[in-house]
């Protein structure tokens, strides 16, 4: 079998775009294959989401308990996506993967906004520094693209291709820019009947840069400030604020423009959910952190449990679609359904993991 080292020549634009289409059409199968490259790393529950010691707490942590620290001048990651191994994947003229993506397969949502880069996990404390959205795309999507090209061309064989090998351990936060998303399983809990249900999302590859063609819990959003300003960067270093913004965008169809100096305290949705949280009608908990084996996407695994009356009052009937894809609502939170989506359906690794862990902790959650 031909090895990765025998791959030669940069692709043309159409060749690159075709490889991107194949990646988007086969992310689930490719993630299953990529997981096999990391036999020595831990897993979140029984899923393929990669993790390490200390990243999955023994019991769920209330979001209120989590403390966020900041490092202003953190060392740059060892790998940035501008190395020769990454350049070999790109058409001529593209300096990094986002350049090619923006030219040949631009998703509808594709902005190089400020993000929070994860530096350390030491529950209940998380430490961050500053990054840009394209920093993560330059490494994670490039590594996924490289892996897809190799798998479909028959260059597999159980060894990581050159750029992926350069990254090394995906859970080593010093090696790459670990930009995080918050993957939230939303449970509607009816205390009278004991029944719980959740909402699922199918992410449309034409609309998103990551996770296209896969199911995911809802809402999910990159952990980033609401606005491009120094004031927002400091004020929005808060997991709960990010979660509420994602509820507004994915459940209620709100746009992503908030404006400089946005006032959360006077925002009706934030006030409503925060008051309900303080009164015990809403609980938001963290189950851990993990890394997708294909794309290196790093996710906080969280669960928000809403009493049925509160869920209905805040969200009503969830729309069948939103700006990122199609919505599947009122899915039963039971053993068979959790097993199906966590193990059998084409679902993002983070979504499968948060479902798996939530079911294990169901007594504490409900």
Foldseek 3Di string as FASTA:
>chain_A
DAALVPDDAEDALVVLLVLVVLLLQCVLVLLVVLLLLCPPFDAQFPFSFTDHPQFFDPAWAFLVQAAEAEDEDDDAAQDQLQDPLNVSHHHPPDRFDLSSCCPRQPAQDDDFAKFWFWDDHHPSYTYTYIDTPVSLCRQQVSQLSSSSVCVVVVNDDSHRRDSVVQLPDLHNSRHGRAFEKAAEWEWAAAPVVRWIFTKKFAFDSNHDPPDHRAIGGPDMDTQQFLDRDPVRRVVSPGPLVVNLVRCCCQFVNDDSHQDPPRDLCPDVSSVLQVVCCVVPQKTKIWRGWGARSNRRHIYTQMYIYGHNVSCCVRRNDGDQAGSGGGMDPGHTLDDVSLCCRLPPGRHGRSRSSSSSRCVVNVVVVD
